[in-house]
Amino acid sequence: MNLIIITPVRNEEKYIDTCIQCMLRQTYLPKKWIIVNDGSNDDTEKIVLKYSEKNEFMKYIKIPDRGYRYPGRGVMDAFYAGYETLDEEEFAIIAKFDGDLSFPEDTMEKIVNAFEKDSALGITGGVRYDAVRENEFKKVIVPKYYVGGPTKFYRKECFASIHGLMKRAGWDGADVIRAQKEKWKTGEIPDLLIHHLRPTGTSRGEGLAKASLKYGDVSYYLGGYPWYFVLRVLGRSFDNKSPRMFFYMIKGYLSSKHNKLPREEKVYRDHFKLIQMDNVKGYVNLFLKKNVFKTRHVHLLDKN
């Protein structure tokens, strides 16, 4: 199966070399790896060109610097700058893959094998470990259907059925909800561990307040039950020992609601509620089996 990867980058000089080295060691190389420079003003371009000039499967695209970070929309603009250079006949799998990742040499082989083994698999990726400090990582616990934004691989037919990726923050939640509604299987590959060298929300120009406001806005956009959102916020705030996180997440949700901002289509919002209720049933089962107290780092709000 032909695999094409698109990697939007913005000021990744600290991590992009590691990411490229990991890709060059892969046992299964993608047909193309398109790296899109989204207005970097550091040495990202210099590092990428050093490798792309020597490796034919690597392609480099540079788009104008808008002058600021644009969470969600910016990364999607960069992704589509790469995607629009493609012919759909070129690939069977399309990926959005971050430039600040470290991953094992059989990553792409495992991804392709997963799609080949299950024709109903629509979206997959690796289990993400975020950096909490130098050389220390923590597993990111997500619902079993979810695949995190830094490592997203789509079967071409699934990508088409969900109408691609929306150009706003929350694209990496809306895609799996839409895919589930369209009867595609989604979820991480349990034995594929990927290290996120720069945790989400720590990019230049985005601190705790902005990241938390964005989370509230995205939750409003995606729909679901308000009580479920509040429980998730409580869990995240407690886990991070941050009352400020709770405040800004709630503020982001209420601000979007007050301003009557656009929301996801009702059919997908309703399906998201069904997913949430399935999650609740899973939490109850975990509680009754008393396994929830034996699992480290598991949020009561997210099913592993």
Foldseek 3Di string as FASTA:
>chain_A
DAEEEEEEDAQCVVALLLLVVLQVLAPDHHQAYEYEYAAHPDCPVVSLCVVCVPDVRYHYHYDHHPPDDAPQQSLVVRRVVVVVVDDLVRGQKYKYAYSRKHWHRHQVVVVVVVCVVDVLAFKEFAFEWEDPDPPDTHTDFAAFQADDPNIIMGGSVLCVQLVHFDNHPLSRVSSSLSSVVVVGGGGYDHVTYMYRHHDPQPPPPGHLLNVLLSLLQSDLQQAADPVLVLLVQVQVCVVVVHPSSSVSNVVSNVVCVVVVPHHDDPVSNVSVNVVQVVLVVVLVVCVVVVVVVVDPPDGSSHHD
